[in-house]
Every structure is written in C-alpha cells, then in structure tokens.
Amino acid sequence: MEQKIVYFPEPGSQNTDEVLRIAKLRAKELGIKSILVASTSGDTAVKAVAAFKGMRMIAVSHFTGMRGPNTQEFTEENRQKVLSKGGVVLTTAHAFTGLGGAMRKKFNMYLLGDEVASTLRIFGQGTKVACEIALMAADAGLVRTDEDVISIGGTHAGADTALVLQPVNSVDFFDLKIKEILCKPHF
C-alpha cells in the first residue's frame, strides 16, 4: 500500500487548518467516525468541531491543575462552543504523567511514563500527544479499542500531527497500533 504523508517545514499552530483538512479527507476515505484532538485553551477544538461536522469530535484538554492549582486552561467559552456543536471535551489526568509526574515534581525522579513520552517525542511532540490522548479517550470510554480513530496533536499550540491509530486502554499501551502517519513536522 502506498499512502501520502505531508511533512510541515516547522512545527506549530500555523499548520492547524491543513492538519484538519488532511485528517478530514482521510477519515472520509477510511470511514473513520471518531476524531481526537488535543486542545489546551480550546481554540483548536473549536476549529476542529467545525471541520469535522457530522463526525464524532472529542477534544482532550490538559488536566485541571497542570499549570497551577485549580487552573483549567480550556476556556469555558470554548468548552460551550464545542459542546453546542456536538463535540465532547475530555479533561482527565494525562496517561503518561499520572503519579509519575508527582514523583518527578517532588523527588526529581523519572519513571516509565516519562520514558515512554520521551521515546515518542523522537517522532515529534505531536506524535507523543496523539498517542497519549488516544489512551486517555479509551480509558474514559469515549472511543472503542476495536475501531480506528484519527488522533491529532501538536507542538506547544495548534495542531501539526495527525495519525490513524487503533486506541487501547492505558494498561494495554504496548498494543497501541499507529497505522498511518498523515502529517507531522519535518525535523
């Protein structure tokens, strides 16, 4: 099988619209019904829910407290926009951070989740994010583990990576299957 991969010259939010276009086209070709989109403030999620109208769009946000106690970066305004257009917003602990993040913060120890995240970053931050949000959505019961999804991540802001993958629950992480790389930054 031969499939086109788009490589962006730089990572970042300037690629968001093209990532959404590429992902939508491939989702239609493959009959994929669920799209996962990482979104910190909700800006990318608002664009995605409009782009994937008629498909199930799940925005995965940072957990509350990531940037400080009781702080949620996904704005309430954006949450309402996504929900009003039929999207879903998932806010939960990050699969690779979990309690390991507390160990890193308190004792400067790096555990398995940190190692997995760092290994996936070899392919780019967006690849790590796309894999992680797939675990989070599966753990929340928002996507099935026997159906492919398109998972979209980014580097710092916006979207720059899209993958076709078969999600798994975090306890089955090593069974995660990245089936296609649709686009990513060229590093």
N, C-alpha and C. Protein backbone atom coordinates (compact mmCIF):
# COMPACT_ATOMS: atom_id res chain seq x y z
N MET A 1 0.84 -1.18 0.00
CA MET A 1 0.00 0.00 0.00
C MET A 1 0.88 1.24 0.00
N GLU A 2 0.49 2.21 -0.75
CA GLU A 2 1.21 3.46 -0.79
C GLU A 2 0.29 4.56 -0.30
N GLN A 3 0.79 5.42 0.59
CA GLN A 3 -0.01 6.49 1.16
C GLN A 3 0.85 7.73 1.30
N LYS A 4 0.29 8.86 1.00
CA LYS A 4 1.00 10.13 1.09
C LYS A 4 1.10 10.59 2.55
N ILE A 5 2.28 11.10 2.92
CA ILE A 5 2.49 11.75 4.21
C ILE A 5 2.91 13.19 3.93
N VAL A 6 2.29 14.13 4.62
CA VAL A 6 2.65 15.54 4.48
C VAL A 6 3.60 15.90 5.61
N TYR A 7 4.73 16.50 5.26
CA TYR A 7 5.70 16.97 6.24
C TYR A 7 5.71 18.50 6.23
N PHE A 8 5.47 19.08 7.39
CA PHE A 8 5.49 20.54 7.51
C PHE A 8 6.91 21.01 7.80
N PRO A 9 7.31 22.16 7.21
CA PRO A 9 8.68 22.63 7.42
C PRO A 9 8.98 22.99 8.88
N GLU A 10 7.96 23.40 9.61
CA GLU A 10 8.12 23.80 11.01
C GLU A 10 6.94 23.28 11.82
N PRO A 11 7.15 22.96 13.09
CA PRO A 11 6.02 22.60 13.95
C PRO A 11 5.24 23.85 14.34
N GLY A 12 4.01 23.67 14.77
CA GLY A 12 3.28 24.81 15.32
C GLY A 12 1.89 25.02 14.77
N SER A 13 1.25 26.03 15.31
CA SER A 13 -0.16 26.30 15.05
C SER A 13 -0.46 26.74 13.62
N GLN A 14 0.53 27.23 12.89
CA GLN A 14 0.30 27.64 11.51
C GLN A 14 -0.12 26.46 10.64
N ASN A 15 0.05 25.24 11.13
CA ASN A 15 -0.31 24.04 10.37
C ASN A 15 -1.73 23.53 10.67
N THR A 16 -2.39 24.12 11.64
CA THR A 16 -3.66 23.59 12.13
C THR A 16 -4.69 23.38 11.04
N ASP A 17 -4.97 24.38 10.25
CA ASP A 17 -6.01 24.25 9.23
C ASP A 17 -5.70 23.13 8.24
N GLU A 18 -4.44 23.01 7.84
CA GLU A 18 -4.06 21.96 6.90
C GLU A 18 -4.14 20.58 7.54
N VAL A 19 -3.77 20.46 8.80
CA VAL A 19 -3.90 19.18 9.52
C VAL A 19 -5.36 18.75 9.55
N LEU A 20 -6.25 19.67 9.88
CA LEU A 20 -7.68 19.34 9.94
C LEU A 20 -8.21 18.93 8.57
N ARG A 21 -7.76 19.60 7.52
CA ARG A 21 -8.18 19.26 6.17
C ARG A 21 -7.71 17.85 5.79
N ILE A 22 -6.44 17.56 6.04
CA ILE A 22 -5.86 16.25 5.73
C ILE A 22 -6.57 15.16 6.51
N ALA A 23 -6.79 15.40 7.79
CA ALA A 23 -7.43 14.41 8.65
C ALA A 23 -8.88 14.14 8.22
N LYS A 24 -9.59 15.19 7.87
CA LYS A 24 -10.99 15.01 7.45
C LYS A 24 -11.06 14.19 6.16
N LEU A 25 -10.21 14.50 5.22
CA LEU A 25 -10.19 13.77 3.95
C LEU A 25 -9.91 12.28 4.20
N ARG A 26 -8.91 11.98 5.02
CA ARG A 26 -8.55 10.57 5.26
C ARG A 26 -9.63 9.87 6.08
N ALA A 27 -10.24 10.57 7.02
CA ALA A 27 -11.33 9.97 7.80
C ALA A 27 -12.47 9.54 6.88
N LYS A 28 -12.80 10.39 5.91
CA LYS A 28 -13.87 10.05 4.96
C LYS A 28 -13.46 8.84 4.11
N GLU A 29 -12.21 8.83 3.64
CA GLU A 29 -11.73 7.72 2.82
C GLU A 29 -11.79 6.38 3.57
N LEU A 30 -11.47 6.41 4.85
CA LEU A 30 -11.40 5.18 5.64
C LEU A 30 -12.69 4.86 6.40
N GLY A 31 -13.65 5.79 6.37
CA GLY A 31 -14.89 5.58 7.11
C GLY A 31 -14.71 5.71 8.62
N ILE A 32 -13.72 6.48 9.03
CA ILE A 32 -13.47 6.69 10.46
C ILE A 32 -14.49 7.69 10.99
N LYS A 33 -15.07 7.34 12.13
CA LYS A 33 -16.14 8.15 12.70
C LYS A 33 -15.73 9.01 13.88
N SER A 34 -14.61 8.67 14.54
CA SER A 34 -14.18 9.41 15.73
C SER A 34 -12.84 10.09 15.50
N ILE A 35 -12.80 11.36 15.86
CA ILE A 35 -11.60 12.18 15.72
C ILE A 35 -11.22 12.68 17.11
N LEU A 36 -9.97 12.50 17.48
CA LEU A 36 -9.45 13.02 18.75
C LEU A 36 -8.57 14.21 18.45
N VAL A 37 -8.74 15.27 19.24
CA VAL A 37 -7.97 16.49 19.03
C VAL A 37 -7.48 17.00 20.38
N ALA A 38 -6.17 17.13 20.52
CA ALA A 38 -5.61 17.74 21.72
C ALA A 38 -5.86 19.24 21.65
N SER A 39 -6.27 19.82 22.77
CA SER A 39 -6.53 21.26 22.77
C SER A 39 -6.33 21.80 24.18
N THR A 40 -5.45 22.76 24.30
CA THR A 40 -5.14 23.34 25.61
C THR A 40 -6.16 24.40 26.00
N SER A 41 -6.27 25.44 25.20
CA SER A 41 -7.20 26.53 25.52
C SER A 41 -8.59 26.29 24.95
N GLY A 42 -8.67 25.38 23.98
CA GLY A 42 -9.92 25.12 23.30
C GLY A 42 -9.99 25.72 21.91
N ASP A 43 -9.04 26.56 21.55
CA ASP A 43 -9.07 27.20 20.23
C ASP A 43 -9.01 26.15 19.11
N THR A 44 -8.13 25.18 19.23
CA THR A 44 -8.02 24.13 18.22
C THR A 44 -9.29 23.29 18.19
N ALA A 45 -9.85 23.02 19.35
CA ALA A 45 -11.09 22.23 19.43
C ALA A 45 -12.25 22.93 18.73
N VAL A 46 -12.33 24.24 18.87
CA VAL A 46 -13.41 25.00 18.21
C VAL A 46 -13.26 24.87 16.69
N LYS A 47 -12.04 24.98 16.18
CA LYS A 47 -11.81 24.81 14.74
C LYS A 47 -12.15 23.39 14.31
N ALA A 48 -11.76 22.41 15.14
CA ALA A 48 -11.96 21.01 14.79
C ALA A 48 -13.43 20.61 14.78
N VAL A 49 -14.20 21.09 15.73
CA VAL A 49 -15.62 20.71 15.77
C VAL A 49 -16.34 21.24 14.54
N ALA A 50 -15.90 22.37 14.03
CA ALA A 50 -16.49 22.89 12.79
C ALA A 50 -16.01 22.08 11.58
N ALA A 51 -14.73 21.73 11.57
CA ALA A 51 -14.15 20.99 10.44
C ALA A 51 -14.72 19.58 10.33
N PHE A 52 -15.00 18.95 11.46
CA PHE A 52 -15.44 17.55 11.46
C PHE A 52 -16.93 17.42 11.72
N LYS A 53 -17.68 18.38 11.23
CA LYS A 53 -19.13 18.34 11.37
C LYS A 53 -19.66 17.01 10.80
N GLY A 54 -20.51 16.35 11.57
CA GLY A 54 -21.05 15.07 11.14
C GLY A 54 -20.25 13.88 11.64
N MET A 55 -19.07 14.14 12.21
CA MET A 55 -18.24 13.08 12.80
C MET A 55 -18.20 13.32 14.31
N ARG A 56 -17.77 12.33 15.04
CA ARG A 56 -17.64 12.47 16.49
C ARG A 56 -16.28 13.08 16.78
N MET A 57 -16.28 14.30 17.31
CA MET A 57 -15.04 15.00 17.62
C MET A 57 -14.90 15.09 19.14
N ILE A 58 -13.78 14.56 19.63
CA ILE A 58 -13.50 14.56 21.06
C ILE A 58 -12.25 15.40 21.29
N ALA A 59 -12.42 16.50 22.01
CA ALA A 59 -11.29 17.34 22.38
C ALA A 59 -10.75 16.85 23.72
N VAL A 60 -9.44 16.71 23.81
CA VAL A 60 -8.80 16.27 25.04
C VAL A 60 -7.95 17.42 25.56
N SER A 61 -8.30 17.88 26.75
CA SER A 61 -7.62 19.06 27.32
C SER A 61 -6.57 18.65 28.34
N HIS A 62 -5.79 19.63 28.75
CA HIS A 62 -4.91 19.42 29.90
C HIS A 62 -5.76 19.18 31.13
N PHE A 63 -5.24 18.46 32.09
CA PHE A 63 -5.97 18.26 33.35
C PHE A 63 -5.98 19.55 34.16
N THR A 64 -7.01 19.72 34.96
CA THR A 64 -7.09 20.89 35.82
C THR A 64 -5.95 20.82 36.83
N GLY A 65 -5.21 21.91 36.94
CA GLY A 65 -4.08 21.97 37.86
C GLY A 65 -2.73 21.78 37.19
N MET A 66 -2.71 21.52 35.90
CA MET A 66 -1.44 21.31 35.21
C MET A 66 -0.57 22.56 35.28
N ARG A 67 -1.17 23.71 35.08
CA ARG A 67 -0.41 24.97 35.08
C ARG A 67 -0.48 25.70 36.42
N GLY A 68 -1.13 25.10 37.39
CA GLY A 68 -1.24 25.69 38.72
C GLY A 68 -2.50 25.20 39.40
N PRO A 69 -2.52 25.23 40.70
CA PRO A 69 -3.68 24.72 41.44
C PRO A 69 -4.99 25.34 40.95
N ASN A 70 -5.96 24.48 40.73
CA ASN A 70 -7.33 24.89 40.36
C ASN A 70 -7.40 25.68 39.06
N THR A 71 -6.42 25.52 38.21
CA THR A 71 -6.38 26.25 36.94
C THR A 71 -6.75 25.32 35.80
N GLN A 72 -7.74 25.72 35.02
CA GLN A 72 -8.13 24.98 33.82
C GLN A 72 -7.90 25.90 32.63
N GLU A 73 -7.04 25.45 31.72
CA GLU A 73 -6.65 26.27 30.57
C GLU A 73 -7.69 26.29 29.45
N PHE A 74 -8.49 25.25 29.35
CA PHE A 74 -9.54 25.18 28.33
C PHE A 74 -10.63 26.14 28.77
N THR A 75 -10.81 27.23 28.03
CA THR A 75 -11.72 28.26 28.50
C THR A 75 -13.17 27.78 28.50
N GLU A 76 -13.94 28.33 29.40
CA GLU A 76 -15.36 27.97 29.48
C GLU A 76 -16.09 28.38 28.20
N GLU A 77 -15.71 29.51 27.63
CA GLU A 77 -16.31 29.95 26.37
C GLU A 77 -16.08 28.92 25.26
N ASN A 78 -14.85 28.43 25.13
CA ASN A 78 -14.55 27.43 24.11
C ASN A 78 -15.23 26.10 24.41
N ARG A 79 -15.30 25.74 25.69
CA ARG A 79 -15.99 24.50 26.08
C ARG A 79 -17.45 24.55 25.61
N GLN A 80 -18.11 25.67 25.84
CA GLN A 80 -19.51 25.82 25.44
C GLN A 80 -19.66 25.79 23.92
N LYS A 81 -18.72 26.40 23.20
CA LYS A 81 -18.77 26.36 21.73
C LYS A 81 -18.66 24.93 21.22
N VAL A 82 -17.73 24.16 21.78
CA VAL A 82 -17.52 22.77 21.35
C VAL A 82 -18.76 21.94 21.67
N LEU A 83 -19.24 22.05 22.89
CA LEU A 83 -20.41 21.27 23.30
C LEU A 83 -21.65 21.63 22.50
N SER A 84 -21.84 22.91 22.20
CA SER A 84 -23.04 23.35 21.47
C SER A 84 -23.05 22.83 20.04
N LYS A 85 -21.87 22.49 19.51
CA LYS A 85 -21.78 21.96 18.14
C LYS A 85 -21.67 20.44 18.12
N GLY A 86 -21.93 19.81 19.27
CA GLY A 86 -21.95 18.35 19.33
C GLY A 86 -20.63 17.69 19.66
N GLY A 87 -19.61 18.48 19.95
CA GLY A 87 -18.33 17.91 20.33
C GLY A 87 -18.33 17.45 21.78
N VAL A 88 -17.32 16.72 22.14
CA VAL A 88 -17.12 16.23 23.51
C VAL A 88 -15.80 16.81 24.00
N VAL A 89 -15.75 17.18 25.28
CA VAL A 89 -14.50 17.65 25.88
C VAL A 89 -14.13 16.70 27.01
N LEU A 90 -12.94 16.12 26.93
CA LEU A 90 -12.43 15.22 27.96
C LEU A 90 -11.31 15.93 28.71
N THR A 91 -11.48 16.03 30.01
CA THR A 91 -10.46 16.60 30.88
C THR A 91 -10.15 15.55 31.93
N THR A 92 -8.93 15.03 31.90
CA THR A 92 -8.54 13.96 32.82
C THR A 92 -7.02 13.96 32.95
N ALA A 93 -6.52 13.18 33.90
CA ALA A 93 -5.07 13.06 34.09
C ALA A 93 -4.42 12.55 32.81
N HIS A 94 -3.25 13.03 32.53
CA HIS A 94 -2.51 12.58 31.36
C HIS A 94 -2.01 11.16 31.57
N ALA A 95 -2.16 10.35 30.56
CA ALA A 95 -1.81 8.93 30.67
C ALA A 95 -0.34 8.72 30.99
N PHE A 96 0.55 9.51 30.42
CA PHE A 96 1.97 9.30 30.65
C PHE A 96 2.49 10.00 31.90
N THR A 97 1.72 10.91 32.45
CA THR A 97 2.18 11.66 33.62
C THR A 97 1.71 11.01 34.91
N GLY A 98 0.40 10.98 35.13
CA GLY A 98 -0.15 10.35 36.33
C GLY A 98 0.65 10.62 37.59
N LEU A 99 0.79 9.62 38.43
CA LEU A 99 1.55 9.76 39.67
C LEU A 99 3.04 9.94 39.41
N GLY A 100 3.49 9.50 38.25
CA GLY A 100 4.89 9.72 37.91
C GLY A 100 5.24 11.20 37.88
N GLY A 101 4.28 12.02 37.50
CA GLY A 101 4.50 13.47 37.50
C GLY A 101 4.74 14.00 38.90
N ALA A 102 4.05 13.44 39.87
CA ALA A 102 4.25 13.84 41.26
C ALA A 102 5.65 13.43 41.74
N MET A 103 6.08 12.24 41.33
CA MET A 103 7.43 11.78 41.70
C MET A 103 8.49 12.68 41.07
N ARG A 104 8.29 13.08 39.83
CA ARG A 104 9.24 13.97 39.15
C ARG A 104 9.29 15.32 39.85
N LYS A 105 8.10 15.85 40.17
CA LYS A 105 8.00 17.18 40.78
C LYS A 105 8.61 17.20 42.19
N LYS A 106 8.32 16.18 42.98
CA LYS A 106 8.74 16.16 44.38
C LYS A 106 10.16 15.63 44.57
N PHE A 107 10.52 14.57 43.84
CA PHE A 107 11.79 13.88 44.09
C PHE A 107 12.76 13.91 42.91
N ASN A 108 12.38 14.62 41.84
CA ASN A 108 13.21 14.69 40.64
C ASN A 108 13.52 13.29 40.08
N MET A 109 12.52 12.41 40.15
CA MET A 109 12.65 11.05 39.63
C MET A 109 11.87 10.92 38.34
N TYR A 110 12.42 10.24 37.37
CA TYR A 110 11.74 10.00 36.12
C TYR A 110 11.34 8.54 36.07
N LEU A 111 10.05 8.30 35.80
CA LEU A 111 9.51 6.94 35.80
C LEU A 111 9.10 6.53 34.40
N LEU A 112 8.49 5.36 34.29
CA LEU A 112 8.16 4.76 33.00
C LEU A 112 7.39 5.70 32.07
N GLY A 113 6.38 6.39 32.58
CA GLY A 113 5.60 7.30 31.73
C GLY A 113 6.45 8.37 31.09
N ASP A 114 7.44 8.87 31.84
CA ASP A 114 8.36 9.87 31.30
C ASP A 114 9.21 9.27 30.19
N GLU A 115 9.64 8.04 30.38
CA GLU A 115 10.47 7.38 29.38
C GLU A 115 9.69 7.10 28.10
N VAL A 116 8.45 6.66 28.25
CA VAL A 116 7.59 6.42 27.08
C VAL A 116 7.37 7.73 26.34
N ALA A 117 7.03 8.78 27.07
CA ALA A 117 6.78 10.08 26.45
C ALA A 117 8.02 10.58 25.71
N SER A 118 9.17 10.47 26.34
CA SER A 118 10.41 10.93 25.70
C SER A 118 10.73 10.11 24.46
N THR A 119 10.46 8.83 24.49
CA THR A 119 10.70 7.99 23.32
C THR A 119 9.79 8.39 22.17
N LEU A 120 8.51 8.60 22.45
CA LEU A 120 7.59 9.01 21.39
C LEU A 120 7.95 10.38 20.82
N ARG A 121 8.54 11.25 21.64
CA ARG A 121 8.94 12.58 21.15
C ARG A 121 10.03 12.50 20.09
N ILE A 122 10.68 11.36 19.97
CA ILE A 122 11.66 11.18 18.88
C ILE A 122 10.97 11.43 17.54
N PHE A 123 9.68 11.09 17.46
CA PHE A 123 8.90 11.30 16.24
C PHE A 123 8.22 12.66 16.23
N GLY A 124 8.39 13.45 17.29
CA GLY A 124 7.80 14.77 17.40
C GLY A 124 6.82 14.85 18.57
N GLN A 125 6.71 16.02 19.13
CA GLN A 125 5.80 16.25 20.26
C GLN A 125 4.36 15.89 19.89
N GLY A 126 3.94 16.22 18.68
CA GLY A 126 2.58 15.93 18.25
C GLY A 126 2.28 14.44 18.22
N THR A 127 3.28 13.62 17.87
CA THR A 127 3.10 12.17 17.86
C THR A 127 2.89 11.67 19.28
N LYS A 128 3.68 12.15 20.21
CA LYS A 128 3.52 11.77 21.62
C LYS A 128 2.13 12.14 22.10
N VAL A 129 1.70 13.36 21.79
CA VAL A 129 0.39 13.85 22.23
C VAL A 129 -0.73 13.01 21.61
N ALA A 130 -0.64 12.74 20.32
CA ALA A 130 -1.70 11.97 19.64
C ALA A 130 -1.84 10.57 20.25
N CYS A 131 -0.74 9.96 20.60
CA CYS A 131 -0.81 8.63 21.25
C CYS A 131 -1.39 8.74 22.65
N GLU A 132 -0.96 9.73 23.39
CA GLU A 132 -1.42 9.89 24.77
C GLU A 132 -2.91 10.18 24.86
N ILE A 133 -3.43 11.05 24.00
CA ILE A 133 -4.85 11.36 24.09
C ILE A 133 -5.72 10.18 23.66
N ALA A 134 -5.17 9.30 22.81
CA ALA A 134 -5.91 8.10 22.43
C ALA A 134 -6.08 7.18 23.64
N LEU A 135 -5.03 7.05 24.45
CA LEU A 135 -5.13 6.27 25.69
C LEU A 135 -6.16 6.88 26.63
N MET A 136 -6.10 8.18 26.78
CA MET A 136 -7.00 8.88 27.71
C MET A 136 -8.46 8.72 27.28
N ALA A 137 -8.72 8.85 25.98
CA ALA A 137 -10.09 8.72 25.48
C ALA A 137 -10.59 7.29 25.62
N ALA A 138 -9.72 6.31 25.38
CA ALA A 138 -10.12 4.91 25.56
C ALA A 138 -10.40 4.61 27.03
N ASP A 139 -9.54 5.11 27.92
CA ASP A 139 -9.75 4.89 29.36
C ASP A 139 -11.06 5.51 29.83
N ALA A 140 -11.46 6.61 29.21
CA ALA A 140 -12.71 7.28 29.58
C ALA A 140 -13.93 6.64 28.92
N GLY A 141 -13.69 5.67 28.05
CA GLY A 141 -14.80 5.01 27.35
C GLY A 141 -15.39 5.83 26.22
N LEU A 142 -14.66 6.81 25.75
CA LEU A 142 -15.16 7.68 24.68
C LEU A 142 -14.85 7.17 23.28
N VAL A 143 -13.89 6.27 23.17
CA VAL A 143 -13.59 5.60 21.89
C VAL A 143 -13.45 4.12 22.16
N ARG A 144 -13.74 3.35 21.14
CA ARG A 144 -13.61 1.90 21.23
C ARG A 144 -12.18 1.50 20.91
N THR A 145 -11.77 0.38 21.45
CA THR A 145 -10.42 -0.11 21.17
C THR A 145 -10.39 -1.07 19.99
N ASP A 146 -11.53 -1.30 19.37
CA ASP A 146 -11.58 -2.16 18.18
C ASP A 146 -11.96 -1.37 16.93
N GLU A 147 -11.86 -0.05 17.00
CA GLU A 147 -12.14 0.81 15.84
C GLU A 147 -11.03 1.84 15.71
N ASP A 148 -10.60 2.08 14.49
CA ASP A 148 -9.58 3.10 14.25
C ASP A 148 -10.15 4.49 14.47
N VAL A 149 -9.28 5.39 14.88
CA VAL A 149 -9.60 6.81 15.04
C VAL A 149 -8.50 7.60 14.35
N ILE A 150 -8.77 8.88 14.17
CA ILE A 150 -7.69 9.80 13.80
C ILE A 150 -7.42 10.62 15.05
N SER A 151 -6.15 10.67 15.41
CA SER A 151 -5.74 11.38 16.61
C SER A 151 -4.79 12.51 16.20
N ILE A 152 -5.11 13.71 16.69
CA ILE A 152 -4.40 14.93 16.27
C ILE A 152 -3.74 15.58 17.47
N GLY A 153 -2.46 15.85 17.33
CA GLY A 153 -1.71 16.53 18.39
C GLY A 153 -0.91 17.67 17.82
N GLY A 154 -0.20 18.35 18.70
CA GLY A 154 0.58 19.49 18.24
C GLY A 154 1.79 19.73 19.11
N THR A 155 2.52 20.77 18.73
CA THR A 155 3.72 21.19 19.42
C THR A 155 3.48 22.58 19.99
N HIS A 156 3.26 22.66 21.26
CA HIS A 156 3.03 23.89 22.02
C HIS A 156 1.65 24.50 21.78
N ALA A 157 1.26 24.74 20.56
CA ALA A 157 -0.06 25.33 20.27
C ALA A 157 -0.52 24.84 18.91
N GLY A 158 -1.83 24.73 18.75
CA GLY A 158 -2.38 24.30 17.47
C GLY A 158 -2.08 22.84 17.19
N ALA A 159 -2.30 22.44 15.96
CA ALA A 159 -2.11 21.04 15.54
C ALA A 159 -1.08 20.98 14.43
N ASP A 160 -0.20 19.97 14.50
CA ASP A 160 0.77 19.77 13.43
C ASP A 160 1.01 18.30 13.12
N THR A 161 0.25 17.41 13.77
CA THR A 161 0.44 15.97 13.58
C THR A 161 -0.91 15.28 13.56
N ALA A 162 -1.11 14.36 12.64
CA ALA A 162 -2.33 13.54 12.61
C ALA A 162 -1.93 12.10 12.31
N LEU A 163 -2.50 11.19 13.09
CA LEU A 163 -2.23 9.76 12.95
C LEU A 163 -3.53 8.99 12.83
N VAL A 164 -3.52 7.94 12.06
CA VAL A 164 -4.59 6.94 12.11
C VAL A 164 -4.07 5.88 13.07
N LEU A 165 -4.83 5.60 14.10
CA LEU A 165 -4.39 4.59 15.05
C LEU A 165 -5.55 3.82 15.63
N GLN A 166 -5.22 2.70 16.21
CA GLN A 166 -6.20 1.90 16.93
C GLN A 166 -5.91 2.10 18.41
N PRO A 167 -6.82 2.80 19.10
CA PRO A 167 -6.57 3.12 20.50
C PRO A 167 -6.64 1.87 21.39
N VAL A 168 -6.00 1.98 22.53
CA VAL A 168 -6.05 0.94 23.56
C VAL A 168 -6.21 1.64 24.90
N ASN A 169 -6.60 0.87 25.90
CA ASN A 169 -6.59 1.39 27.26
C ASN A 169 -5.15 1.49 27.72
N SER A 170 -4.89 2.39 28.66
CA SER A 170 -3.51 2.62 29.09
C SER A 170 -2.84 1.36 29.63
N VAL A 171 -3.59 0.45 30.23
CA VAL A 171 -2.98 -0.79 30.73
C VAL A 171 -2.52 -1.70 29.59
N ASP A 172 -2.97 -1.42 28.37
CA ASP A 172 -2.56 -2.19 27.20
C ASP A 172 -1.70 -1.35 26.25
N PHE A 173 -1.01 -0.34 26.79
CA PHE A 173 -0.27 0.61 25.97
C PHE A 173 0.57 -0.05 24.89
N PHE A 174 1.25 -1.13 25.20
CA PHE A 174 2.17 -1.72 24.24
C PHE A 174 1.47 -2.45 23.10
N ASP A 175 0.14 -2.43 23.11
CA ASP A 175 -0.64 -2.95 21.99
C ASP A 175 -1.15 -1.84 21.08
N LEU A 176 -0.85 -0.58 21.41
CA LEU A 176 -1.27 0.56 20.59
C LEU A 176 -0.69 0.40 19.19
N LYS A 177 -1.52 0.63 18.18
CA LYS A 177 -1.07 0.48 16.80
C LYS A 177 -1.23 1.81 16.06
N ILE A 178 -0.11 2.39 15.67
CA ILE A 178 -0.14 3.55 14.78
C ILE A 178 -0.17 2.97 13.38
N LYS A 179 -1.28 3.17 12.70
CA LYS A 179 -1.46 2.57 11.38
C LYS A 179 -0.98 3.47 10.24
N GLU A 180 -1.17 4.77 10.41
CA GLU A 180 -0.74 5.71 9.37
C GLU A 180 -0.31 7.02 10.01
N ILE A 181 0.74 7.59 9.46
CA ILE A 181 1.12 8.97 9.79
C ILE A 181 0.59 9.81 8.62
N LEU A 182 -0.36 10.67 8.91
CA LEU A 182 -0.94 11.50 7.86
C LEU A 182 -0.10 12.74 7.62
N CYS A 183 0.36 13.35 8.73
CA CYS A 183 1.19 14.55 8.60
C CYS A 183 1.92 14.77 9.92
N LYS A 184 3.04 15.44 9.82
CA LYS A 184 3.83 15.78 11.00
C LYS A 184 4.90 16.78 10.58
N PRO A 185 5.50 17.46 11.55
CA PRO A 185 6.61 18.34 11.21
C PRO A 185 7.82 17.55 10.73
N HIS A 186 8.59 18.15 9.85
CA HIS A 186 9.83 17.56 9.35
C HIS A 186 10.95 18.13 10.21
N PHE A 187 11.50 17.31 11.07
CA PHE A 187 12.55 17.79 11.97
C PHE A 187 13.91 17.43 11.44
